[in-house]
Amino acid sequence: MELTMSPALGVRRFKLSYEQLNLSSKSQFLRDKIKLIRQAGKASPEAVHQIETHLNAASQERDPIGQWNSYELAYEGYIPLAEQEDLLGLILDLRSRAEVLEGPDQQVWSGPKLAQMEQGVRLGHADSNLRVEIASLARAIHECGVRKRHDIEIRSLLIRRALYLAAFLCVLVICSLLAVAIRKVPSDSPWQLMITAAFGGIGALVVATTRLRQRHLVGNDVQADQASLLFRGAFGALLAVVVALILQLRIIDFPLFHLDHSERSPLSPAAFYVFGLASGLAEEAIFNLFETRKPKVADRSVYLESPSGTTHYHLPA
């Protein structure tokens, strides 16, 4: 969203994302609530000052994650001071954002548990323990949201790099095809093999990028996945070269793809390119054949086995 200041103040344009506008709205709403609490004298000045300090830090912070962290501290500090009707709005807002919870947090803050907390607020049983639980829920949702955002940024970074590399290879292949056509390079030239390898690398990178979009990444996977993308591209290029060599040796022959009807005529370069791209696209299926599966451990009673393997000695209870 692009905003333009008044001409009297000088034309100044700046862009605010929806996330920044949302944070600004939430911070202002919290400031208004804290102002009412201070005027009513329902909280100690130290607690109010601490919340305002976090809100000021959020407005001065440049990093978006730092801004939300400061706001979250102010939000958690406001929960013990909130009125009964405001507390109901807080728990409803948290329940609407509970889908970001995952793993152990999702087990702790299950649907029945959230419904029980909401029912306690509606019945007016919002004691200090329930308010602590609501603050803990807000912290869990915030942390899971930050991790999810970080994972999305990591995935986007890797996907962009893979697409840039694939685009570079595509441009390189097109330029190479034009050069081969202009110079009339023979079909058995090593340049044809290099172009075939590039087609295989492009196919493997496209498949690897598609699979990467469906994965759940964490920070420790960045370096490993960068190396994996390069390896998958190189492996796809190698598969394309191997397939091209098999076709050149005529271990598997396709007479329809020859340049002419003679048996000794070489295969058309277009056939090498198509088979090279197909090899890259099939790289993942071939790569999975080399992966070792984890053996399944069957549940069984604890026992000792003799060296001969024929007699079992059960442990005493």
C-alpha atoms as a PDB file:
ATOM      1  CA  MET A   1       0.000   0.000   0.000  1.00  0.00           C
ATOM      2  CA  GLU A   2       1.412   3.396  -1.042  1.00  0.00           C
ATOM      3  CA  LEU A   3       0.652   6.483   1.028  1.00  0.00           C
ATOM      4  CA  THR A   4       1.206  10.132   0.033  1.00  0.00           C
ATOM      5  CA  MET A   5       1.652  12.838   2.662  1.00  0.00           C
ATOM      6  CA  SER A   6       0.013  16.257   2.436  1.00  0.00           C
ATOM      7  CA  PRO A   7       1.637  18.701  -0.011  1.00  0.00           C
ATOM      8  CA  ALA A   8       1.877  21.238   2.810  1.00  0.00           C
ATOM      9  CA  LEU A   9       4.302  18.914   4.534  1.00  0.00           C
ATOM     10  CA  GLY A  10       6.150  18.127   1.344  1.00  0.00           C
ATOM     11  CA  VAL A  11       5.372  15.324  -1.029  1.00  0.00           C
ATOM     12  CA  ARG A  12       6.621  12.156   0.602  1.00  0.00           C
ATOM     13  CA  ARG A  13       5.674   8.700  -0.548  1.00  0.00           C
ATOM     14  CA  PHE A  14       6.343   5.532   1.342  1.00  0.00           C
ATOM     15  CA  LYS A  15       5.001   2.033   1.197  1.00  0.00           C
ATOM     16  CA  LEU A  16       3.519   0.171   4.123  1.00  0.00           C
ATOM     17  CA  SER A  17       2.764  -3.509   3.956  1.00  0.00           C
ATOM     18  CA  TYR A  18      -0.468  -4.966   5.281  1.00  0.00           C
ATOM     19  CA  GLU A  19       1.507  -6.464   8.154  1.00  0.00           C
ATOM     20  CA  GLN A  20       2.868  -3.066   9.193  1.00  0.00           C
ATOM     21  CA  LEU A  21      -0.580  -1.481   9.007  1.00  0.00           C
ATOM     22  CA  ASN A  22      -1.979  -4.337  11.068  1.00  0.00           C
ATOM     23  CA  LEU A  23       0.718  -3.891  13.693  1.00  0.00           C
ATOM     24  CA  SER A  24       0.124  -0.144  13.817  1.00  0.00           C
ATOM     25  CA  SER A  25      -3.621  -0.674  14.299  1.00  0.00           C
ATOM     26  CA  LYS A  26      -3.125  -3.248  17.048  1.00  0.00           C
ATOM     27  CA  SER A  27      -0.578  -1.050  18.838  1.00  0.00           C
ATOM     28  CA  GLN A  28      -2.896   1.944  18.785  1.00  0.00           C
ATOM     29  CA  PHE A  29      -5.781  -0.160  20.068  1.00  0.00           C
ATOM     30  CA  LEU A  30      -3.589  -1.401  22.918  1.00  0.00           C
ATOM     31  CA  ARG A  31      -2.471   2.148  23.744  1.00  0.00           C
ATOM     32  CA  ASP A  32      -6.101   3.239  24.011  1.00  0.00           C
ATOM     33  CA  LYS A  33      -6.893   0.360  26.373  1.00  0.00           C
ATOM     34  CA  ILE A  34      -3.876   1.121  28.547  1.00  0.00           C
ATOM     35  CA  LYS A  35      -4.893   4.783  28.676  1.00  0.00           C
ATOM     36  CA  LEU A  36      -8.333   3.834  29.991  1.00  0.00           C
ATOM     37  CA  ILE A  37      -6.795   1.506  32.586  1.00  0.00           C
ATOM     38  CA  ARG A  38      -4.457   4.267  33.777  1.00  0.00           C
ATOM     39  CA  GLN A  39      -7.300   6.773  34.079  1.00  0.00           C
ATOM     40  CA  ALA A  40      -9.430   4.297  36.028  1.00  0.00           C
ATOM     41  CA  GLY A  41      -6.531   3.470  38.330  1.00  0.00           C
ATOM     42  CA  LYS A  42      -7.087  -0.277  37.909  1.00  0.00           C
ATOM     43  CA  ALA A  43      -3.400  -1.141  37.535  1.00  0.00           C
ATOM     44  CA  SER A  44      -0.123  -0.126  39.080  1.00  0.00           C
ATOM     45  CA  PRO A  45       1.855   2.623  37.321  1.00  0.00           C
ATOM     46  CA  GLU A  46       4.794   0.237  36.946  1.00  0.00           C
ATOM     47  CA  ALA A  47       2.742  -2.298  34.967  1.00  0.00           C
ATOM     48  CA  VAL A  48       1.306   0.399  32.718  1.00  0.00           C
ATOM     49  CA  HIS A  49       4.734   1.935  32.171  1.00  0.00           C
ATOM     50  CA  GLN A  50       6.202  -1.443  31.233  1.00  0.00           C
ATOM     51  CA  ILE A  51       3.513  -2.015  28.600  1.00  0.00           C
ATOM     52  CA  GLU A  52       4.028   1.456  27.147  1.00  0.00           C
ATOM     53  CA  THR A  53       7.775   0.857  27.029  1.00  0.00           C
ATOM     54  CA  HIS A  54       7.267  -2.257  24.895  1.00  0.00           C
ATOM     55  CA  LEU A  55       4.883  -0.396  22.587  1.00  0.00           C
ATOM     56  CA  ASN A  56       7.401   2.428  22.152  1.00  0.00           C
ATOM     57  CA  ALA A  57      10.101  -0.128  21.387  1.00  0.00           C
ATOM     58  CA  ALA A  58       7.842  -1.694  18.748  1.00  0.00           C
ATOM     59  CA  SER A  59       7.364   1.673  17.032  1.00  0.00           C
ATOM     60  CA  GLN A  60      11.118   2.395  17.039  1.00  0.00           C
ATOM     61  CA  GLU A  61      12.235  -1.063  15.904  1.00  0.00           C
ATOM     62  CA  ARG A  62      13.119  -1.419  12.210  1.00  0.00           C
ATOM     63  CA  ASP A  63      13.109  -5.181  11.972  1.00  0.00           C
ATOM     64  CA  PRO A  64       9.540  -6.537  11.463  1.00  0.00           C
ATOM     65  CA  ILE A  65      10.176  -9.530  13.711  1.00  0.00           C
ATOM     66  CA  GLY A  66      11.562  -7.257  16.400  1.00  0.00           C
ATOM     67  CA  GLN A  67       8.473  -5.066  16.141  1.00  0.00           C
ATOM     68  CA  TRP A  68       6.140  -8.021  16.640  1.00  0.00           C
ATOM     69  CA  ASN A  69       8.267  -9.322  19.519  1.00  0.00           C
ATOM     70  CA  SER A  70       7.971  -6.007  21.351  1.00  0.00           C
ATOM     71  CA  TYR A  71       4.255  -5.841  20.663  1.00  0.00           C
ATOM     72  CA  GLU A  72       3.827  -9.406  21.918  1.00  0.00           C
ATOM     73  CA  LEU A  73       5.486  -8.480  25.224  1.00  0.00           C
ATOM     74  CA  ALA A  74       3.091  -5.552  25.604  1.00  0.00           C
ATOM     75  CA  TYR A  75       0.162  -7.784  24.640  1.00  0.00           C
ATOM     76  CA  GLU A  76       1.063 -10.388  27.249  1.00  0.00           C
ATOM     77  CA  GLY A  77       1.455  -7.651  29.848  1.00  0.00           C
ATOM     78  CA  TYR A  78      -2.017  -6.341  29.025  1.00  0.00           C
ATOM     79  CA  ILE A  79      -3.794  -9.693  29.480  1.00  0.00           C
ATOM     80  CA  PRO A  80      -3.645  -9.693  33.331  1.00  0.00           C
ATOM     81  CA  LEU A  81      -5.048  -6.133  33.325  1.00  0.00           C
ATOM     82  CA  ALA A  82      -7.806  -6.581  30.732  1.00  0.00           C
ATOM     83  CA  GLU A  83     -11.463  -6.160  31.630  1.00  0.00           C
ATOM     84  CA  GLN A  84     -13.819  -9.127  31.483  1.00  0.00           C
ATOM     85  CA  GLU A  85     -15.414  -8.136  28.160  1.00  0.00           C
ATOM     86  CA  ASP A  86     -12.014  -7.340  26.635  1.00  0.00           C
ATOM     87  CA  LEU A  87     -10.663 -10.689  27.813  1.00  0.00           C
ATOM     88  CA  LEU A  88     -13.420 -12.465  25.881  1.00  0.00           C
ATOM     89  CA  GLY A  89     -12.356 -10.641  22.741  1.00  0.00           C
ATOM     90  CA  LEU A  90      -8.751 -11.668  23.368  1.00  0.00           C
ATOM     91  CA  ILE A  91      -9.531 -15.360  23.741  1.00  0.00           C
ATOM     92  CA  LEU A  92     -11.724 -15.290  20.616  1.00  0.00           C
ATOM     93  CA  ASP A  93      -8.929 -13.624  18.651  1.00  0.00           C
ATOM     94  CA  LEU A  94      -6.429 -16.196  19.858  1.00  0.00           C
ATOM     95  CA  ARG A  95      -8.745 -19.071  18.953  1.00  0.00           C
ATOM     96  CA  SER A  96      -9.087 -17.670  15.424  1.00  0.00           C
ATOM     97  CA  ARG A  97      -5.282 -17.755  15.045  1.00  0.00           C
ATOM     98  CA  ALA A  98      -4.722 -21.131  16.694  1.00  0.00           C
ATOM     99  CA  GLU A  99      -4.248 -22.886  13.332  1.00  0.00           C
ATOM    100  CA  VAL A 100      -0.594 -21.796  13.305  1.00  0.00           C
ATOM    101  CA  LEU A 101       0.095 -24.067  16.276  1.00  0.00           C
ATOM    102  CA  GLU A 102       1.946 -27.240  15.428  1.00  0.00           C
ATOM    103  CA  GLY A 103       3.699 -30.138  17.084  1.00  0.00           C
ATOM    104  CA  PRO A 104       3.678 -30.174  20.901  1.00  0.00           C
ATOM    105  CA  ASP A 105       1.953 -26.769  21.079  1.00  0.00           C
ATOM    106  CA  GLN A 106      -0.988 -28.142  19.126  1.00  0.00           C
ATOM    107  CA  GLN A 107      -1.285 -31.004  21.572  1.00  0.00           C
ATOM    108  CA  VAL A 108      -1.179 -28.738  24.616  1.00  0.00           C
ATOM    109  CA  TRP A 109      -3.593 -26.178  23.206  1.00  0.00           C
ATOM    110  CA  SER A 110      -6.112 -28.600  21.742  1.00  0.00           C
ATOM    111  CA  GLY A 111      -9.609 -27.685  20.609  1.00  0.00           C
ATOM    112  CA  PRO A 112     -11.316 -28.867  23.807  1.00  0.00           C
ATOM    113  CA  LYS A 113      -8.782 -26.967  25.910  1.00  0.00           C
ATOM    114  CA  LEU A 114      -9.429 -23.721  24.030  1.00  0.00           C
ATOM    115  CA  ALA A 115     -13.189 -24.246  24.289  1.00  0.00           C
ATOM    116  CA  GLN A 116     -12.823 -24.774  28.037  1.00  0.00           C
ATOM    117  CA  MET A 117     -10.841 -21.546  28.376  1.00  0.00           C
ATOM    118  CA  GLU A 118     -13.426 -19.611  26.377  1.00  0.00           C
ATOM    119  CA  GLN A 119     -16.233 -21.050  28.493  1.00  0.00           C
ATOM    120  CA  GLY A 120     -14.420 -20.002  31.672  1.00  0.00           C
ATOM    121  CA  VAL A 121     -14.144 -16.426  30.395  1.00  0.00           C
ATOM    122  CA  ARG A 122     -17.795 -16.326  29.373  1.00  0.00           C
ATOM    123  CA  LEU A 123     -18.870 -17.546  32.815  1.00  0.00           C
ATOM    124  CA  GLY A 124     -16.787 -14.889  34.549  1.00  0.00           C
ATOM    125  CA  HIS A 125     -14.234 -17.325  35.988  1.00  0.00           C
ATOM    126  CA  ALA A 126     -11.247 -15.446  34.588  1.00  0.00           C
ATOM    127  CA  ASP A 127      -8.982 -15.713  37.615  1.00  0.00           C
ATOM    128  CA  SER A 128      -5.225 -15.188  37.604  1.00  0.00           C
ATOM    129  CA  ASN A 129      -4.543 -18.787  36.541  1.00  0.00           C
ATOM    130  CA  LEU A 130      -6.774 -18.524  33.476  1.00  0.00           C
ATOM    131  CA  ARG A 131      -5.176 -15.223  32.528  1.00  0.00           C
ATOM    132  CA  VAL A 132      -1.742 -16.832  32.754  1.00  0.00           C
ATOM    133  CA  GLU A 133      -2.958 -19.605  30.456  1.00  0.00           C
ATOM    134  CA  ILE A 134      -4.254 -17.044  27.963  1.00  0.00           C
ATOM    135  CA  ALA A 135      -0.900 -15.238  28.031  1.00  0.00           C
ATOM    136  CA  SER A 136       0.916 -18.546  27.486  1.00  0.00           C
ATOM    137  CA  LEU A 137      -1.384 -19.325  24.543  1.00  0.00           C
ATOM    138  CA  ALA A 138      -0.619 -15.917  23.038  1.00  0.00           C
ATOM    139  CA  ARG A 139       3.120 -16.602  23.411  1.00  0.00           C
ATOM    140  CA  ALA A 140       2.806 -20.032  21.757  1.00  0.00           C
ATOM    141  CA  ILE A 141       0.841 -18.612  18.821  1.00  0.00           C
ATOM    142  CA  HIS A 142       3.373 -15.815  18.383  1.00  0.00           C
ATOM    143  CA  GLU A 143       6.381 -18.146  18.427  1.00  0.00           C
ATOM    144  CA  CYS A 144       4.794 -20.618  16.005  1.00  0.00           C
ATOM    145  CA  GLY A 145       3.848 -17.752  13.708  1.00  0.00           C
ATOM    146  CA  VAL A 146       7.409 -16.417  13.717  1.00  0.00           C
ATOM    147  CA  ARG A 147       8.816 -19.866  12.950  1.00  0.00           C
ATOM    148  CA  LYS A 148       6.310 -20.370  10.159  1.00  0.00           C
ATOM    149  CA  ARG A 149       7.154 -17.025   8.627  1.00  0.00           C
ATOM    150  CA  HIS A 150      10.857 -17.793   8.848  1.00  0.00           C
ATOM    151  CA  ASP A 151      10.311 -21.155   7.171  1.00  0.00           C
ATOM    152  CA  ILE A 152       8.352 -19.486   4.365  1.00  0.00           C
ATOM    153  CA  GLU A 153      11.144 -16.969   3.819  1.00  0.00           C
ATOM    154  CA  ILE A 154      13.721 -19.757   3.677  1.00  0.00           C
ATOM    155  CA  ARG A 155      11.635 -21.728   1.199  1.00  0.00           C
ATOM    156  CA  SER A 156      11.114 -18.632  -0.960  1.00  0.00           C
ATOM    157  CA  LEU A 157      14.839 -17.906  -0.960  1.00  0.00           C
ATOM    158  CA  LEU A 158      15.749 -21.407  -2.094  1.00  0.00           C
ATOM    159  CA  ILE A 159      13.011 -21.486  -4.726  1.00  0.00           C
ATOM    160  CA  ARG A 160      14.144 -18.146  -6.150  1.00  0.00           C
ATOM    161  CA  ARG A 161      17.725 -19.333  -6.395  1.00  0.00           C
ATOM    162  CA  ALA A 162      16.664 -22.558  -8.094  1.00  0.00           C
ATOM    163  CA  LEU A 163      14.480 -20.676 -10.563  1.00  0.00           C
ATOM    164  CA  TYR A 164      17.273 -18.215 -11.323  1.00  0.00           C
ATOM    165  CA  LEU A 165      19.615 -21.110 -12.029  1.00  0.00           C
ATOM    166  CA  ALA A 166      17.025 -22.849 -14.222  1.00  0.00           C
ATOM    167  CA  ALA A 167      16.351 -19.596 -16.096  1.00  0.00           C
ATOM    168  CA  PHE A 168      20.076 -19.120 -16.675  1.00  0.00           C
ATOM    169  CA  LEU A 169      20.350 -22.641 -18.058  1.00  0.00           C
ATOM    170  CA  CYS A 170      17.332 -22.052 -20.315  1.00  0.00           C
ATOM    171  CA  VAL A 171      18.900 -18.901 -21.771  1.00  0.00           C
ATOM    172  CA  LEU A 172      22.203 -20.732 -22.176  1.00  0.00           C
ATOM    173  CA  VAL A 173      20.480 -23.616 -23.992  1.00  0.00           C
ATOM    174  CA  ILE A 174      18.639 -21.257 -26.347  1.00  0.00           C
ATOM    175  CA  CYS A 175      21.856 -19.414 -27.195  1.00  0.00           C
ATOM    176  CA  SER A 176      23.634 -22.731 -27.716  1.00  0.00           C
ATOM    177  CA  LEU A 177      20.886 -23.987 -30.037  1.00  0.00           C
ATOM    178  CA  LEU A 178      21.107 -20.807 -32.085  1.00  0.00           C
ATOM    179  CA  ALA A 179      24.888 -21.123 -32.300  1.00  0.00           C
ATOM    180  CA  VAL A 180      24.636 -24.778 -33.313  1.00  0.00           C
ATOM    181  CA  ALA A 181      22.081 -23.970 -36.007  1.00  0.00           C
ATOM    182  CA  ILE A 182      24.077 -21.024 -37.379  1.00  0.00           C
ATOM    183  CA  ARG A 183      27.378 -22.885 -37.467  1.00  0.00           C
ATOM    184  CA  LYS A 184      25.744 -26.124 -38.626  1.00  0.00           C
ATOM    185  CA  VAL A 185      27.435 -28.205 -35.953  1.00  0.00           C
ATOM    186  CA  PRO A 186      27.245 -31.951 -36.806  1.00  0.00           C
ATOM    187  CA  SER A 187      24.969 -34.172 -34.759  1.00  0.00           C
ATOM    188  CA  ASP A 188      27.878 -36.193 -33.350  1.00  0.00           C
ATOM    189  CA  SER A 189      29.677 -33.111 -32.025  1.00  0.00           C
ATOM    190  CA  PRO A 190      30.483 -32.887 -28.282  1.00  0.00           C
ATOM    191  CA  TRP A 191      28.515 -29.646 -28.227  1.00  0.00           C
ATOM    192  CA  GLN A 192      25.353 -31.654 -28.790  1.00  0.00           C
ATOM    193  CA  LEU A 193      26.195 -33.699 -25.701  1.00  0.00           C
ATOM    194  CA  MET A 194      26.668 -30.544 -23.639  1.00  0.00           C
ATOM    195  CA  ILE A 195      23.287 -29.188 -24.725  1.00  0.00           C
ATOM    196  CA  THR A 196      21.693 -32.517 -23.866  1.00  0.00           C
ATOM    197  CA  ALA A 197      23.261 -32.345 -20.410  1.00  0.00           C
ATOM    198  CA  ALA A 198      21.851 -28.832 -19.960  1.00  0.00           C
ATOM    199  CA  PHE A 199      18.379 -30.116 -20.818  1.00  0.00           C
ATOM    200  CA  GLY A 200      18.773 -32.810 -18.150  1.00  0.00           C
ATOM    201  CA  GLY A 201      19.884 -30.267 -15.564  1.00  0.00           C
ATOM    202  CA  ILE A 202      16.888 -28.037 -16.324  1.00  0.00           C
ATOM    203  CA  GLY A 203      14.457 -30.934 -15.957  1.00  0.00           C
ATOM    204  CA  ALA A 204      15.962 -32.010 -12.636  1.00  0.00           C
ATOM    205  CA  LEU A 205      15.922 -28.457 -11.254  1.00  0.00           C
ATOM    206  CA  VAL A 206      12.269 -27.994 -12.211  1.00  0.00           C
ATOM    207  CA  VAL A 207      11.259 -31.188 -10.405  1.00  0.00           C
ATOM    208  CA  ALA A 208      13.429 -30.392  -7.357  1.00  0.00           C
ATOM    209  CA  THR A 209      11.976 -26.868  -7.120  1.00  0.00           C
ATOM    210  CA  THR A 210       8.420 -28.208  -7.309  1.00  0.00           C
ATOM    211  CA  ARG A 211       9.106 -30.666  -4.494  1.00  0.00           C
ATOM    212  CA  LEU A 212      10.832 -27.970  -2.456  1.00  0.00           C
ATOM    213  CA  ARG A 213       7.663 -25.853  -2.439  1.00  0.00           C
ATOM    214  CA  GLN A 214       5.833 -28.691  -0.699  1.00  0.00           C
ATOM    215  CA  ARG A 215       8.409 -29.253   2.012  1.00  0.00           C
ATOM    216  CA  HIS A 216       8.489 -27.864   5.532  1.00  0.00           C
ATOM    217  CA  LEU A 217      11.899 -26.286   6.026  1.00  0.00           C
ATOM    218  CA  VAL A 218      13.731 -25.037   9.081  1.00  0.00           C
ATOM    219  CA  GLY A 219      16.781 -22.858   9.389  1.00  0.00           C
ATOM    220  CA  ASN A 220      19.203 -25.774   9.637  1.00  0.00           C
ATOM    221  CA  ASP A 221      18.050 -27.129   6.264  1.00  0.00           C
ATOM    222  CA  VAL A 222      19.145 -24.110   4.219  1.00  0.00           C
ATOM    223  CA  GLN A 223      22.706 -25.135   3.466  1.00  0.00           C
ATOM    224  CA  ALA A 224      21.729 -28.765   2.950  1.00  0.00           C
ATOM    225  CA  ASP A 225      18.954 -27.879   0.520  1.00  0.00           C
ATOM    226  CA  GLN A 226      21.173 -25.496  -1.420  1.00  0.00           C
ATOM    227  CA  ALA A 227      23.680 -28.281  -1.921  1.00  0.00           C
ATOM    228  CA  SER A 228      20.835 -30.681  -2.701  1.00  0.00           C
ATOM    229  CA  LEU A 229      19.526 -28.443  -5.492  1.00  0.00           C
ATOM    230  CA  LEU A 230      22.963 -28.229  -7.091  1.00  0.00           C
ATOM    231  CA  PHE A 231      23.458 -31.964  -6.730  1.00  0.00           C
ATOM    232  CA  ARG A 232      20.042 -32.766  -8.207  1.00  0.00           C
ATOM    233  CA  GLY A 233      20.747 -30.516 -11.182  1.00  0.00           C
ATOM    234  CA  ALA A 234      24.170 -32.076 -11.737  1.00  0.00           C
ATOM    235  CA  PHE A 235      22.736 -35.563 -11.323  1.00  0.00           C
ATOM    236  CA  GLY A 236      20.025 -34.811 -13.891  1.00  0.00           C
ATOM    237  CA  ALA A 237      22.675 -33.599 -16.322  1.00  0.00           C
ATOM    238  CA  LEU A 238      24.678 -36.777 -15.727  1.00  0.00           C
ATOM    239  CA  LEU A 239      21.611 -38.943 -16.376  1.00  0.00           C
ATOM    240  CA  ALA A 240      21.000 -37.084 -19.627  1.00  0.00           C
ATOM    241  CA  VAL A 241      24.587 -37.732 -20.715  1.00  0.00           C
ATOM    242  CA  VAL A 242      24.322 -41.420 -19.823  1.00  0.00           C
ATOM    243  CA  VAL A 243      21.089 -41.768 -21.801  1.00  0.00           C
ATOM    244  CA  ALA A 244      22.679 -39.966 -24.756  1.00  0.00           C
ATOM    245  CA  LEU A 245      25.657 -42.319 -24.668  1.00  0.00           C
ATOM    246  CA  ILE A 246      23.336 -45.332 -24.564  1.00  0.00           C
ATOM    247  CA  LEU A 247      21.541 -43.991 -27.613  1.00  0.00           C
ATOM    248  CA  GLN A 248      24.817 -43.360 -29.416  1.00  0.00           C
ATOM    249  CA  LEU A 249      25.969 -46.904 -28.685  1.00  0.00           C
ATOM    250  CA  ARG A 250      22.574 -48.098 -29.936  1.00  0.00           C
ATOM    251  CA  ILE A 251      22.052 -50.337 -26.957  1.00  0.00           C
ATOM    252  CA  ILE A 252      18.489 -49.116 -27.358  1.00  0.00           C
ATOM    253  CA  ASP A 253      17.754 -47.940 -30.874  1.00  0.00           C
ATOM    254  CA  PHE A 254      14.897 -45.840 -32.229  1.00  0.00           C
ATOM    255  CA  PRO A 255      14.968 -45.960 -36.046  1.00  0.00           C
ATOM    256  CA  LEU A 256      12.258 -43.318 -36.306  1.00  0.00           C
ATOM    257  CA  PHE A 257      14.580 -40.753 -34.706  1.00  0.00           C
ATOM    258  CA  HIS A 258      17.442 -41.197 -37.192  1.00  0.00           C
ATOM    259  CA  LEU A 259      18.391 -38.364 -39.524  1.00  0.00           C
ATOM    260  CA  ASP A 260      17.560 -40.530 -42.546  1.00  0.00           C
ATOM    261  CA  HIS A 261      16.413 -44.050 -43.264  1.00  0.00           C
ATOM    262  CA  SER A 262      19.924 -45.464 -43.295  1.00  0.00           C
ATOM    263  CA  GLU A 263      20.795 -47.828 -40.466  1.00  0.00           C
ATOM    264  CA  ARG A 264      24.158 -46.147 -39.874  1.00  0.00           C
ATOM    265  CA  SER A 265      22.802 -42.623 -39.752  1.00  0.00           C
ATOM    266  CA  PRO A 266      23.061 -40.944 -36.318  1.00  0.00           C
ATOM    267  CA  LEU A 267      20.130 -39.954 -34.226  1.00  0.00           C
ATOM    268  CA  SER A 268      18.616 -36.529 -34.666  1.00  0.00           C
ATOM    269  CA  PRO A 269      19.898 -33.928 -32.163  1.00  0.00           C
ATOM    270  CA  ALA A 270      16.281 -33.160 -31.273  1.00  0.00           C
ATOM    271  CA  ALA A 271      15.916 -36.753 -30.054  1.00  0.00           C
ATOM    272  CA  PHE A 272      18.893 -36.288 -27.723  1.00  0.00           C
ATOM    273  CA  TYR A 273      17.377 -33.089 -26.353  1.00  0.00           C
ATOM    274  CA  VAL A 274      14.000 -34.709 -25.701  1.00  0.00           C
ATOM    275  CA  PHE A 275      15.540 -37.749 -24.029  1.00  0.00           C
ATOM    276  CA  GLY A 276      17.855 -35.475 -22.020  1.00  0.00           C
ATOM    277  CA  LEU A 277      14.943 -33.436 -20.687  1.00  0.00           C
ATOM    278  CA  ALA A 278      12.989 -36.610 -19.912  1.00  0.00           C
ATOM    279  CA  SER A 279      15.999 -37.977 -18.022  1.00  0.00           C
ATOM    280  CA  GLY A 280      16.140 -34.836 -15.887  1.00  0.00           C
ATOM    281  CA  LEU A 281      12.435 -35.013 -15.143  1.00  0.00           C
ATOM    282  CA  ALA A 282      12.804 -38.670 -14.145  1.00  0.00           C
ATOM    283  CA  GLU A 283      15.811 -37.909 -11.941  1.00  0.00           C
ATOM    284  CA  GLU A 284      13.819 -37.927  -8.709  1.00  0.00           C
ATOM    285  CA  ALA A 285      12.379 -41.388  -9.354  1.00  0.00           C
ATOM    286  CA  ILE A 286      15.836 -42.757 -10.106  1.00  0.00           C
ATOM    287  CA  PHE A 287      17.363 -40.924  -7.157  1.00  0.00           C
ATOM    288  CA  ASN A 288      14.804 -42.413  -4.778  1.00  0.00           C
ATOM    289  CA  LEU A 289      15.959 -45.908  -5.752  1.00  0.00           C
ATOM    290  CA  PHE A 290      19.305 -45.203  -4.074  1.00  0.00           C
ATOM    291  CA  GLU A 291      17.812 -43.984  -0.821  1.00  0.00           C
ATOM    292  CA  THR A 292      17.874 -46.444   2.038  1.00  0.00           C
ATOM    293  CA  ARG A 293      14.639 -46.997   3.861  1.00  0.00           C
ATOM    294  CA  LYS A 294      14.628 -46.943   7.613  1.00  0.00           C
ATOM    295  CA  PRO A 295      13.915 -50.406   8.960  1.00  0.00           C
ATOM    296  CA  LYS A 296      10.753 -50.730  10.973  1.00  0.00           C
ATOM    297  CA  VAL A 297      11.270 -51.847  14.506  1.00  0.00           C
ATOM    298  CA  ALA A 298       8.526 -54.214  15.598  1.00  0.00           C
ATOM    299  CA  ASP A 299       7.211 -54.068  19.116  1.00  0.00           C
ATOM    300  CA  ARG A 300       8.233 -57.169  20.988  1.00  0.00           C
ATOM    301  CA  SER A 301       8.997 -58.318  24.512  1.00  0.00           C
ATOM    302  CA  VAL A 302      12.506 -57.872  25.878  1.00  0.00           C
ATOM    303  CA  TYR A 303      14.522 -61.044  25.734  1.00  0.00           C
ATOM    304  CA  LEU A 304      18.053 -62.356  25.472  1.00  0.00           C
ATOM    305  CA  GLU A 305      19.185 -64.571  22.626  1.00  0.00           C
ATOM    306  CA  SER A 306      21.830 -67.272  22.923  1.00  0.00           C
ATOM    307  CA  PRO A 307      24.853 -67.247  20.545  1.00  0.00           C
ATOM    308  CA  SER A 308      23.403 -70.111  18.549  1.00  0.00           C
ATOM    309  CA  GLY A 309      20.252 -68.087  17.933  1.00  0.00           C
ATOM    310  CA  THR A 310      18.011 -71.013  18.813  1.00  0.00           C
ATOM    311  CA  THR A 311      17.256 -70.495  22.508  1.00  0.00           C
ATOM    312  CA  HIS A 312      15.707 -67.381  24.082  1.00  0.00           C
ATOM    313  CA  TYR A 313      16.163 -66.437  27.728  1.00  0.00           C
ATOM    314  CA  HIS A 314      13.430 -64.058  28.902  1.00  0.00           C
ATOM    315  CA  LEU A 315      14.382 -61.416  31.432  1.00  0.00           C
ATOM    316  CA  PRO A 316      12.745 -61.906  34.816  1.00  0.00           C
ATOM    317  CA  ALA A 317      10.037 -59.437  35.761  1.00  0.00           C
END
